[in-house]
Protein backbone atom coordinates (compact mmCIF):
# COMPACT_ATOMS: atom_id res chain seq x y z
CA MET A 1 67.09 118.94 119.67
CA ALA A 2 68.04 120.12 123.58
CA GLY A 3 65.82 122.38 125.28
CA LYS A 4 68.11 125.04 125.61
CA ASN A 5 68.88 125.38 122.19
CA VAL A 6 65.15 125.31 121.01
CA GLU A 7 64.55 128.15 123.68
CA ALA A 8 67.15 129.75 122.09
CA ILE A 9 66.28 129.98 119.07
CA ARG A 10 62.74 131.18 120.01
CA GLN A 11 64.17 134.08 121.71
CA GLU A 12 66.76 134.33 118.28
CA ARG A 13 62.97 133.82 115.89
CA ALA A 14 61.88 136.63 118.75
CA ARG A 15 63.79 138.94 118.27
CA TRP A 16 63.95 138.56 114.25
CA GLU A 17 60.48 138.85 113.91
CA GLU A 18 60.58 142.62 115.68
CA GLU A 19 64.00 143.65 113.92
CA VAL A 20 63.47 142.30 110.58
CA LEU A 21 59.92 140.87 109.58
CA ALA A 22 57.54 143.63 111.10
CA PRO A 23 59.25 146.61 109.10
CA PHE A 24 59.30 144.35 106.48
CA LEU A 25 56.05 143.54 106.24
CA GLN A 26 54.59 146.91 106.46
CA LYS A 27 55.91 147.67 103.06
CA ALA A 28 55.34 144.85 101.93
CA PRO A 29 52.48 142.28 102.84
CA GLU A 30 52.13 138.75 102.42
CA ARG A 31 49.65 137.67 99.78
CA ARG A 32 47.14 136.92 102.41
CA GLU A 33 46.47 136.92 106.37
CA THR A 34 46.47 132.85 106.67
CA PHE A 35 47.97 129.83 104.51
CA GLU A 36 46.55 126.34 105.18
CA THR A 37 47.37 122.95 102.84
CA PRO A 38 44.85 121.71 101.90
CA SER A 39 43.88 119.39 104.47
CA HIS A 40 43.15 123.10 106.53
CA ILE A 41 46.63 121.70 108.32
CA PRO A 42 47.58 125.73 109.11
CA VAL A 43 51.16 126.49 107.16
CA GLN A 44 53.59 129.17 109.20
CA ARG A 45 55.94 131.79 107.45
CA LEU A 46 58.77 129.22 108.31
CA TYR A 47 59.53 126.50 110.52
CA THR A 48 62.33 126.15 112.98
CA PRO A 49 63.81 123.18 115.44
CA ALA A 50 61.34 124.68 117.93
CA ASP A 51 58.35 123.40 115.54
CA VAL A 52 59.77 119.76 115.52
CA GLU A 53 60.79 119.62 119.92
CA ALA A 54 59.27 116.86 120.64
CA LEU A 55 60.62 114.61 117.39
CA ASP A 56 62.43 111.46 118.68
CA TYR A 57 64.90 110.67 115.89
CA ALA A 58 64.84 106.80 116.53
CA ARG A 59 60.87 106.76 117.77
CA ASP A 60 59.22 108.18 114.80
CA LEU A 61 62.06 108.85 111.62
CA GLY A 62 64.67 105.82 112.19
CA PHE A 63 66.40 104.20 109.12
CA PRO A 64 64.95 103.19 106.16
CA GLY A 65 64.02 99.39 106.02
CA GLU A 66 63.52 99.23 109.51
CA TYR A 67 60.16 100.38 112.11
CA PRO A 68 58.92 102.81 111.87
CA PHE A 69 59.19 102.43 108.57
CA THR A 70 58.94 106.60 108.32
CA ARG A 71 62.22 106.73 106.15
CA GLY A 72 61.21 104.01 103.63
CA VAL A 73 60.38 100.58 103.79
CA TYR A 74 63.84 99.31 102.06
CA PRO A 75 67.22 100.24 103.39
CA THR A 76 68.52 101.40 99.44
CA MET A 77 65.44 102.40 98.55
CA TYR A 78 65.39 103.59 94.36
CA ARG A 79 69.00 103.58 94.84
CA GLY A 80 68.94 99.61 94.15
CA ARG A 81 66.06 100.06 91.87
CA PHE A 82 63.62 102.14 91.30
CA TRP A 83 59.63 101.96 91.77
CA THR A 84 57.86 99.62 89.22
CA MET A 85 56.77 102.03 86.48
CA ARG A 86 52.78 101.29 85.67
CA GLN A 87 49.96 102.98 83.96
CA TYR A 88 47.12 101.79 83.66
CA ALA A 89 45.14 100.68 80.43
CA GLY A 90 42.32 98.55 79.21
CA TYR A 91 40.16 99.71 76.22
CA ALA A 92 37.56 98.32 73.76
CA THR A 93 38.17 94.59 73.61
CA ALA A 94 41.24 92.29 74.81
CA GLU A 95 43.15 92.49 71.08
CA GLU A 96 43.20 96.45 71.11
CA SER A 97 44.30 96.33 74.99
CA ASN A 98 46.69 93.62 74.20
CA ARG A 99 48.52 95.63 71.44
CA ARG A 100 48.40 98.30 73.96
CA TYR A 101 49.97 96.36 76.49
CA LYS A 102 53.51 95.05 74.56
CA TYR A 103 53.18 98.63 73.14
CA LEU A 104 53.77 100.29 76.72
CA LEU A 105 56.36 97.20 77.30
CA ALA A 106 58.35 97.79 74.65
CA GLN A 107 58.83 101.71 75.60
CA GLY A 108 59.73 100.53 79.22
CA GLN A 109 56.76 99.86 81.22
CA MET A 110 57.67 97.34 84.12
CA GLY A 111 54.26 96.02 84.70
CA LEU A 112 51.16 95.42 83.21
CA SER A 113 47.52 97.43 85.09
CA VAL A 114 44.36 96.61 83.75
CA ALA A 115 41.12 99.06 83.92
CA PHE A 116 38.16 96.71 83.05
CA ASP A 117 35.15 98.07 81.75
CA LEU A 118 31.93 99.41 83.88
CA PRO A 119 30.13 95.70 83.03
CA THR A 120 32.95 93.77 84.07
CA GLN A 121 33.52 95.95 87.19
CA LEU A 122 29.43 94.91 88.23
CA GLY A 123 29.49 91.27 87.09
CA LEU A 124 27.77 91.60 83.89
CA ASP A 125 28.57 90.09 80.95
CA ALA A 126 28.90 92.04 77.45
CA ASP A 127 25.65 90.50 76.54
CA ASP A 128 23.37 91.81 79.35
CA PRO A 129 21.16 94.25 78.82
CA LEU A 130 22.26 96.19 80.97
CA ALA A 131 25.86 96.80 79.75
CA GLU A 132 24.28 98.70 76.45
CA GLY A 133 26.41 101.61 75.96
CA GLU A 134 29.13 100.73 78.35
CA VAL A 135 31.10 97.62 76.43
CA GLY A 136 34.46 98.62 76.40
CA LYS A 137 34.06 102.19 77.37
CA VAL A 138 36.12 102.85 80.85
CA GLY A 139 38.32 99.63 80.64
CA VAL A 140 38.56 96.50 78.54
CA SER A 141 35.84 93.74 78.69
CA ILE A 142 35.61 90.43 79.84
CA SER A 143 33.03 88.44 80.09
CA SER A 144 34.89 84.67 79.88
CA LEU A 145 38.42 83.37 79.99
CA ARG A 146 38.46 83.39 76.38
CA ASP A 147 38.58 87.04 76.40
CA MET A 148 41.31 86.72 79.01
CA GLU A 149 43.59 84.19 77.33
CA VAL A 150 43.32 87.32 74.41
CA LEU A 151 44.38 89.78 76.82
CA PHE A 152 47.64 88.21 77.26
CA ASP A 153 48.81 86.72 74.65
CA GLY A 154 52.18 86.47 74.19
CA ILE A 155 52.91 87.89 77.00
CA PRO A 156 54.33 85.81 79.75
CA LEU A 157 53.05 85.91 82.83
CA GLU A 158 55.04 83.87 84.85
CA ARG A 159 57.84 87.34 83.92
CA VAL A 160 55.24 90.04 84.62
CA SER A 161 53.87 91.97 87.44
CA THR A 162 50.15 92.36 87.26
CA SER A 163 47.65 94.74 88.71
CA MET A 164 43.89 94.60 88.12
CA THR A 165 41.43 97.06 89.46
CA ILE A 166 38.46 95.37 89.83
CA ASN A 167 36.64 94.62 93.80
CA ALA A 168 33.28 92.93 93.57
CA PRO A 169 34.56 90.40 91.10
CA ALA A 170 37.74 90.31 91.86
CA ALA A 171 37.94 86.76 93.15
CA ILE A 172 36.52 85.56 89.82
CA LEU A 173 39.22 88.23 86.97
CA TRP A 174 41.90 86.39 89.33
CA ALA A 175 40.61 82.95 88.68
CA MET A 176 40.79 83.92 84.64
CA TYR A 177 44.10 85.32 85.41
CA ILE A 178 45.58 82.34 87.33
CA ALA A 179 43.70 79.78 84.61
CA VAL A 180 45.62 81.70 81.79
CA ALA A 181 48.64 81.29 83.45
CA LYS A 182 48.22 77.55 84.00
CA LYS A 183 47.21 76.94 80.20
CA GLN A 184 51.05 79.37 79.17
CA GLY A 185 52.46 76.48 81.73
CA ALA A 186 53.46 79.01 84.42
CA ASP A 187 53.93 77.55 88.09
CA ILE A 188 50.94 79.92 89.97
CA ARG A 189 53.82 80.53 92.93
CA LYS A 190 55.47 82.70 90.75
CA LEU A 191 53.12 84.95 89.75
CA ARG A 192 53.66 88.36 91.00
CA GLY A 193 50.73 90.92 91.21
CA THR A 194 47.98 92.56 92.63
CA ILE A 195 44.10 92.76 92.60
CA GLN A 196 42.41 95.80 93.82
CA ASN A 197 39.57 93.52 95.94
CA ASP A 198 38.57 96.07 98.10
CA ILE A 199 34.75 96.63 98.37
CA LEU A 200 34.83 98.85 101.32
CA LYS A 201 35.79 101.78 99.42
CA GLU A 202 33.00 100.64 96.66
CA TYR A 203 30.70 101.35 99.02
CA LEU A 204 31.96 104.35 100.82
CA ALA A 205 33.35 106.45 97.41
CA ARG A 206 32.56 104.65 94.03
CA GLY A 207 29.51 102.51 94.00
CA THR A 208 30.78 99.36 91.64
CA TYR A 209 29.57 96.96 94.21
CA ILE A 210 27.12 94.29 93.47
CA PHE A 211 27.14 91.61 96.82
CA PRO A 212 25.87 92.91 100.38
CA PRO A 213 28.81 93.80 103.21
CA HIS A 214 29.01 90.53 104.29
CA PRO A 215 29.49 88.18 101.21
CA SER A 216 31.69 90.31 100.06
CA MET A 217 34.21 90.83 102.90
CA ARG A 218 33.76 86.97 102.59
CA LEU A 219 35.18 87.09 98.81
CA VAL A 220 37.80 88.92 100.51
CA THR A 221 39.37 86.72 102.89
CA ASP A 222 38.49 83.94 100.77
CA THR A 223 41.33 85.51 98.48
CA PHE A 224 43.31 86.03 101.53
CA ALA A 225 43.57 82.34 102.31
CA PHE A 226 44.32 81.50 99.25
CA ALA A 227 46.89 83.31 98.22
CA LYS A 228 48.80 82.31 101.45
CA ASP A 229 49.03 78.47 100.74
CA GLN A 230 48.55 78.76 96.90
CA THR A 231 50.12 81.98 94.98
CA PRO A 232 52.49 83.51 98.03
CA LYS A 233 54.11 86.50 95.70
CA TRP A 234 50.52 87.65 95.13
CA ASN A 235 49.19 90.14 96.87
CA PRO A 236 45.49 89.69 97.59
CA ILE A 237 44.26 93.18 97.88
CA SER A 238 45.35 96.48 97.73
CA ILE A 239 43.31 98.86 99.86
CA SER A 240 42.99 102.75 98.17
CA GLY A 241 42.81 105.52 99.47
CA TYR A 242 42.90 107.44 95.89
CA HIS A 243 38.88 106.36 94.87
CA ILE A 244 38.35 108.31 98.67
CA ARG A 245 40.77 111.45 97.91
CA GLU A 246 38.94 111.08 94.21
CA ALA A 247 35.61 111.54 96.27
CA GLY A 248 37.00 114.78 97.81
CA SER A 249 38.53 113.49 100.65
CA THR A 250 41.11 115.67 102.05
CA ALA A 251 45.28 113.88 102.65
CA VAL A 252 44.28 113.13 106.42
CA GLN A 253 41.03 111.96 105.42
CA GLU A 254 42.48 109.42 102.88
CA VAL A 255 44.45 107.99 104.94
CA ALA A 256 42.44 107.72 107.92
CA PHE A 257 39.75 106.37 105.76
CA THR A 258 42.07 103.83 104.39
CA PHE A 259 42.95 102.66 107.31
CA ALA A 260 39.87 102.45 108.86
CA ASN A 261 39.16 100.08 106.44
CA ALA A 262 42.39 98.31 106.07
CA ILE A 263 41.37 97.54 109.94
CA ALA A 264 38.25 95.72 109.07
CA TYR A 265 39.66 93.47 106.34
CA VAL A 266 42.23 92.65 109.37
CA GLN A 267 39.75 92.16 111.69
CA ALA A 268 37.56 89.96 109.13
CA ALA A 269 40.38 87.61 108.20
CA LEU A 270 41.62 87.10 112.17
CA ARG A 271 37.62 86.23 112.18
CA ALA A 272 38.31 83.60 109.31
CA GLY A 273 40.81 82.28 111.33
CA LEU A 274 44.20 83.24 109.72
CA HIS A 275 46.66 84.58 111.40
CA ILE A 276 47.60 87.92 111.72
CA ASP A 277 51.49 87.36 110.13
CA ASP A 278 50.29 84.64 107.59
CA PHE A 279 48.42 87.67 105.59
CA ALA A 280 49.77 91.02 106.64
CA PRO A 281 52.97 90.75 104.41
CA ARG A 282 50.68 90.70 101.49
CA LEU A 283 48.96 93.81 102.61
CA THR A 284 48.95 96.60 99.33
CA PHE A 285 47.41 100.09 99.21
CA PHE A 286 46.81 102.46 96.97
CA PHE A 287 47.28 105.43 97.39
CA ASN A 288 46.84 109.21 95.08
CA ALA A 289 49.36 112.25 94.65
CA HIS A 290 47.96 115.56 94.56
CA ASN A 291 49.17 118.69 93.78
CA ASN A 292 50.34 120.14 97.27
CA LEU A 293 54.18 118.47 97.26
CA PHE A 294 54.92 118.79 100.77
CA GLU A 295 51.71 117.85 101.88
CA GLU A 296 51.73 114.55 99.81
CA VAL A 297 55.30 113.68 100.60
CA ALA A 298 54.36 114.13 104.60
CA LYS A 299 50.97 112.21 103.61
CA PHE A 300 52.96 109.27 102.18
CA ARG A 301 55.59 109.43 105.70
CA ALA A 302 53.02 109.64 107.98
CA ALA A 303 50.82 106.83 106.39
CA ARG A 304 54.18 104.49 107.01
CA ARG A 305 54.96 105.42 109.84
CA LEU A 306 51.08 105.28 111.18
CA TRP A 307 50.54 101.53 109.92
CA ALA A 308 53.39 100.11 111.24
CA ARG A 309 52.26 101.36 114.53
CA LEU A 310 48.74 99.57 114.05
CA MET A 311 50.13 96.74 112.83
CA ARG A 312 52.90 96.49 116.10
CA GLU A 313 50.90 97.83 119.12
CA ARG A 314 47.07 97.36 117.88
CA PHE A 315 47.73 93.49 116.35
CA GLY A 316 50.64 91.82 118.08
CA ALA A 317 51.59 91.58 114.42
CA ARG A 318 55.86 90.55 115.28
CA ASN A 319 56.92 89.87 111.10
CA PRO A 320 59.02 93.09 110.74
CA ARG A 321 57.30 92.39 106.92
CA SER A 322 53.64 92.86 108.86
CA TRP A 323 54.33 96.63 110.07
CA MET A 324 55.52 97.54 106.46
CA LEU A 325 53.60 99.92 104.64
CA ARG A 326 53.97 99.29 100.66
CA PHE A 327 51.85 101.32 98.49
CA HIS A 328 51.00 102.26 95.09
CA THR A 329 50.21 105.77 93.39
CA GLN A 330 48.39 107.46 91.03
CA THR A 331 48.59 110.79 90.40
CA ALA A 332 44.89 112.56 90.77
CA GLY A 333 42.48 112.07 87.79
CA SER A 334 40.57 114.71 90.01
CA THR A 335 43.05 117.28 89.17
CA LEU A 336 43.28 117.19 85.47
CA THR A 337 40.85 120.32 83.81
CA ALA A 338 39.70 119.81 80.29
CA GLN A 339 40.74 123.07 79.44
CA GLN A 340 44.64 123.47 78.68
CA PRO A 341 44.95 120.24 78.73
CA GLU A 342 48.25 120.58 78.51
CA ASN A 343 48.66 121.92 81.64
CA ASN A 344 48.18 118.67 83.00
CA VAL A 345 51.96 117.63 81.82
CA VAL A 346 53.35 119.96 84.68
CA ARG A 347 50.55 118.69 87.28
CA VAL A 348 51.49 115.43 86.76
CA THR A 349 54.79 115.84 87.13
CA LEU A 350 54.36 117.63 90.35
CA GLN A 351 52.25 115.01 91.98
CA ALA A 352 54.73 111.87 90.13
CA LEU A 353 57.59 113.66 92.36
CA ALA A 354 55.35 113.69 95.46
CA ALA A 355 55.14 110.20 94.83
CA VAL A 356 58.42 109.48 94.69
CA LEU A 357 60.16 112.15 97.38
CA GLY A 358 57.58 109.84 99.61
CA GLY A 359 58.97 106.23 99.00
CA THR A 360 56.28 105.06 96.35
CA GLN A 361 56.64 101.12 95.65
CA SER A 362 55.11 101.78 92.05
CA LEU A 363 53.27 104.62 90.31
CA HIS A 364 50.59 105.43 87.32
CA THR A 365 51.37 108.70 86.07
CA ASN A 366 48.00 110.17 84.10
CA ALA A 367 47.90 111.31 80.60
CA MET A 368 47.43 115.18 80.01
CA ASP A 369 44.37 113.92 77.87
CA GLU A 370 42.22 111.97 80.31
CA ALA A 371 39.93 114.61 81.40
CA LEU A 372 38.30 114.43 78.08
CA ALA A 373 38.77 110.77 77.14
CA LEU A 374 41.12 107.49 77.62
CA PRO A 375 44.24 107.93 76.73
CA THR A 376 46.24 108.14 73.61
CA GLU A 377 49.13 106.23 72.41
CA LYS A 378 51.23 109.64 72.60
CA SER A 379 50.06 110.84 75.69
CA ALA A 380 50.09 107.57 77.74
CA ARG A 381 53.97 107.73 76.46
CA ILE A 382 54.52 111.37 77.65
CA ALA A 383 53.36 110.30 80.72
CA LEU A 384 55.62 106.95 81.31
CA ARG A 385 58.45 109.11 80.15
CA THR A 386 57.37 111.95 82.80
CA GLN A 387 58.20 108.95 85.27
CA GLN A 388 61.22 108.27 83.12
CA ILE A 389 63.19 111.62 83.43
CA ILE A 390 62.15 111.90 87.07
CA ALA A 391 63.79 108.91 87.89
CA HIS A 392 66.97 108.77 85.43
CA GLU A 393 67.02 113.11 85.47
CA SER A 394 66.12 115.04 88.08
CA GLY A 395 68.94 112.77 90.86
CA VAL A 396 65.48 112.65 93.81
CA ALA A 397 66.24 108.94 93.48
CA ASP A 398 69.60 109.25 94.17
CA THR A 399 68.95 109.22 98.07
CA VAL A 400 66.87 107.66 100.70
CA ASP A 401 63.97 109.86 101.67
CA PRO A 402 65.90 113.39 100.75
CA LEU A 403 63.46 115.73 102.39
CA ALA A 404 63.80 114.35 105.79
CA GLY A 405 64.97 116.44 108.32
CA SER A 406 62.97 119.32 107.28
CA PHE A 407 61.48 121.44 109.45
CA TYR A 408 58.25 121.72 107.81
CA VAL A 409 57.94 118.59 106.36
CA GLU A 410 58.48 117.10 109.83
CA HIS A 411 56.16 118.95 111.40
CA LEU A 412 53.27 118.19 108.65
CA THR A 413 54.02 114.22 109.08
CA ASP A 414 53.24 114.58 113.12
CA GLU A 415 50.44 116.52 112.32
CA ILE A 416 48.31 114.22 109.41
CA GLU A 417 49.50 111.19 111.64
CA ARG A 418 47.90 112.90 115.01
CA ARG A 419 44.81 114.18 112.74
CA ALA A 420 44.57 110.93 110.96
CA GLN A 421 44.94 109.05 114.71
CA ALA A 422 42.18 111.06 115.74
CA TYR A 423 39.92 109.79 112.86
CA ILE A 424 40.73 106.18 113.45
CA GLU A 425 39.59 106.63 117.09
CA ARG A 426 36.31 107.96 116.29
CA ILE A 427 35.42 105.52 113.29
CA ASP A 428 35.64 102.66 115.94
CA ALA A 429 34.06 104.41 118.46
CA LEU A 430 31.26 104.36 116.02
CA GLY A 431 31.85 100.32 115.62
CA GLY A 432 34.58 100.29 113.04
CA ALA A 433 34.50 101.07 109.20
CA LEU A 434 31.58 98.84 107.99
CA ALA A 435 29.24 100.42 110.77
CA ALA A 436 30.53 103.69 110.23
CA ILE A 437 29.69 103.20 105.90
CA GLU A 438 26.52 102.65 106.97
CA GLY A 439 25.58 105.09 109.33
CA GLY A 440 26.77 107.88 106.69
CA TYR A 441 29.20 109.20 108.67
CA MET A 442 32.43 109.04 106.44
CA GLN A 443 30.29 110.13 103.08
CA ALA A 444 29.53 113.14 105.38
CA GLU A 445 32.72 113.87 105.58
CA ILE A 446 34.47 113.30 102.31
CA GLN A 447 31.16 115.50 100.92
CA GLN A 448 32.00 118.70 103.52
CA ALA A 449 35.29 118.48 102.41
CA ALA A 450 34.45 118.30 98.64
CA TYR A 451 32.33 121.03 98.92
CA GLU A 452 34.63 123.23 100.57
CA ALA A 453 37.02 122.59 98.23
CA GLN A 454 34.95 123.21 95.48
CA MET A 455 33.58 126.84 97.58
CA ALA A 456 37.69 127.39 97.54
CA VAL A 457 37.82 127.39 93.84
CA GLU A 458 34.58 129.24 93.52
CA ARG A 459 35.85 132.17 95.36
CA GLY A 460 39.14 133.01 93.84
CA GLU A 461 40.77 131.18 97.18
CA GLN A 462 42.24 128.38 95.45
CA ILE A 463 43.40 128.98 91.88
CA ILE A 464 42.69 126.55 88.93
CA VAL A 465 45.13 127.69 86.32
CA GLY A 466 43.61 127.77 83.37
CA VAL A 467 39.96 127.62 84.87
CA ASN A 468 39.00 130.22 87.02
CA ALA A 469 42.07 132.19 86.70
CA PHE A 470 45.06 132.35 83.30
CA THR A 471 41.74 131.43 81.21
CA ALA A 472 41.61 131.01 77.19
CA ASP A 473 38.97 131.47 75.08
CA GLU A 474 40.59 128.98 72.72
CA ALA A 475 39.35 124.65 72.76
CA PRO A 476 41.14 122.35 73.28
CA ASP A 477 43.81 121.23 70.58
CA VAL A 478 44.10 117.71 71.41
CA GLU A 479 44.08 114.10 69.11
CA LEU A 480 41.08 112.07 71.83
CA LEU A 481 41.37 108.20 71.59
CA GLU A 482 37.88 106.72 70.16
CA VAL A 483 35.80 104.11 71.42
CA ASP A 484 34.70 101.88 68.21
CA GLU A 485 30.95 101.78 69.13
CA ARG A 486 30.83 98.54 67.72
CA VAL A 487 32.82 96.64 70.47
CA ARG A 488 30.24 95.72 71.92
CA GLU A 489 28.92 93.55 68.89
CA VAL A 490 32.67 91.92 68.63
CA GLN A 491 32.28 91.09 72.46
CA ILE A 492 29.11 89.68 71.90
CA ARG A 493 30.30 87.61 68.95
CA ARG A 494 32.95 86.17 71.02
CA LEU A 495 30.80 85.20 73.34
CA ARG A 496 28.43 83.45 71.68
CA GLU A 497 31.17 81.53 70.24
CA VAL A 498 32.20 80.12 73.72
CA ARG A 499 28.45 79.53 74.91
CA ALA A 500 28.07 77.62 71.53
CA THR A 501 31.59 75.34 72.02
CA ARG A 502 32.12 74.88 75.65
CA ASP A 503 31.17 71.56 77.73
CA SER A 504 27.53 72.80 78.71
CA ARG A 505 27.26 70.03 81.45
CA ALA A 506 30.35 70.91 82.85
CA VAL A 507 29.54 74.64 83.24
CA GLN A 508 26.48 74.08 85.24
CA LYS A 509 28.06 71.40 87.63
CA ALA A 510 31.15 73.99 88.57
CA LEU A 511 27.67 76.64 89.19
CA ALA A 512 25.79 74.02 91.43
CA ALA A 513 29.25 73.66 93.25
CA ILE A 514 29.60 77.45 93.63
CA ARG A 515 25.85 77.90 94.55
CA GLU A 516 26.29 74.86 97.03
CA ALA A 517 29.50 76.17 98.72
CA ALA A 518 27.80 80.23 98.60
CA ARG A 519 25.88 79.10 101.26
CA ARG A 520 28.69 77.33 103.58
CA GLU A 521 31.10 80.04 104.63
CA GLU A 522 33.73 76.88 105.70
CA VAL A 523 34.31 76.10 102.14
CA ASN A 524 36.87 78.41 100.82
CA LEU A 525 35.40 79.29 97.00
CA MET A 526 38.22 80.15 95.12
CA PRO A 527 39.36 76.84 93.81
CA LEU A 528 35.62 76.60 92.76
CA PHE A 529 35.98 79.53 90.52
CA ILE A 530 39.62 78.70 88.92
CA GLU A 531 37.55 75.50 88.16
CA ALA A 532 34.48 77.14 86.91
CA VAL A 533 36.09 79.46 84.43
CA GLU A 534 38.55 77.01 83.03
CA ALA A 535 34.97 75.09 81.81
CA TYR A 536 34.44 78.24 80.47
CA ALA A 537 31.33 79.74 82.55
CA THR A 538 30.84 83.35 82.33
CA VAL A 539 31.67 86.45 84.78
CA GLY A 540 27.91 86.88 84.97
CA GLU A 541 26.99 83.81 85.37
CA ILE A 542 28.92 82.78 87.93
CA CYS A 543 27.77 86.24 89.30
CA HIS A 544 24.54 85.94 88.93
CA VAL A 545 24.87 81.77 90.94
CA LEU A 546 26.46 84.46 93.52
CA ARG A 547 23.45 86.89 93.45
CA GLU A 548 20.47 84.05 93.71
CA VAL A 549 22.23 83.36 96.81
CA TRP A 550 23.34 86.30 98.40
CA GLY A 551 21.35 89.09 97.08
CA GLU A 552 22.59 92.06 95.85
CA TYR A 553 23.47 95.58 98.40
CA ARG A 554 21.12 98.19 98.04
CA PRO A 555 22.00 101.19 100.27
CA GLU A 556 20.21 103.12 102.59
CA VAL A 557 19.81 106.38 101.49
CA ILE A 558 21.20 108.94 103.64
CA VAL A 559 20.06 112.35 104.24
């Protein structure tokens, strides 16, 4: 807006504050003296063109489907097709998870999303002594290719998109998925989906790591190279801000620390000899959606613009697809309350709406009972219906980036980008993401943000309905899913059958090849993983070989 007009608005605002606002405030004071977002961005009483005076439409917004992609990565966004509706599922045995997948697909879900149990995430077979008490509890138990065959029985992998939340042993589980697809007769070049494969955020915020950072980064770049040549429609990584946010970060920190990790992956891939435009178009991201609607919408818009600028200006990417931030969103598990769990339906609706208004490519909505247990079929269906109602009944998907031009949203978008960029520059000065993680910088920032948020709740400055205000005495009256304690016995029985019937010589030969290749960085491990799992080597056996060569990561205690 022209400077003359902006100055006129400033003068008119000053008149309004004196003649209209001041007398009103004397009679009716505001709820509190200051307002701010959860990222501590001050929130003014109202916003005018003067608050976005520096905004240049062509430079900062542009049109959807074009750089800098602030308004969306595709020209028509949801007018063409809706976001992919995923429900994160997987529990107990592969048979039970398979039944849940078929149920969700029948209810209109568009893609599968696999949750693995803790032993699988840590590279342990179901019969490992360290797995006792955890098999099938927070996801499906996968020890061998036989389990994966059961998990996807009757599901044509060439025709579905599958997201797998797995990190340290991601390459091995992906090898199993590819092996199942091959057994189905699928063309692996047509496989669509994503492995999370984001090990840096495990060191930073989540903790399911196995190997030290250097060989772990090698596993990531090996998947990049394999995907480029063999599975061009598959996303070999989903760089996750979700878990950073769940650990207590602010929205600004979520964007900044996610992109700092992403920069480290890009640099590792470049050092491994890959060209930026060979792998950057398949990089995907995974973000959280919290309750503060406008901050979350602005966060997604700022993230798209910041990533486009990083890829084009910092790394010199030339393919426009390399500049596009494509991301999956999940509603915030950390905001769900065990008290009055029905209220979580409203929270999830607000969070899902923020993700859609922010232009997500796929979305998972948490179920209302997930603060208490894994979701029941009924609660999972309600969570899916929430997305479908937003898509088909709300009208928010009928135009692209409907909140664009809001003085408040544009101001927040600019401020989040500016603050995230400042964090990235500080991390660069520390030597990059890995050095910042090893030095405890990002962990300390997250811990401080989490502490401040909790203190605001305890002081009553932040109201959590049903927790520190508007409480009720009755216990939650919801049906909960219970995982059969015998699941470990079932999994161990199948594992023993696999070991008794497989070609042991072929297994030992495949493991020996992995052991030798692990010592030679020039060898891509993915083809060897596929060969090993096709011989029915287990996740634990393969990870044990890698532990022999690389060791295990033991973090330093950060004081």
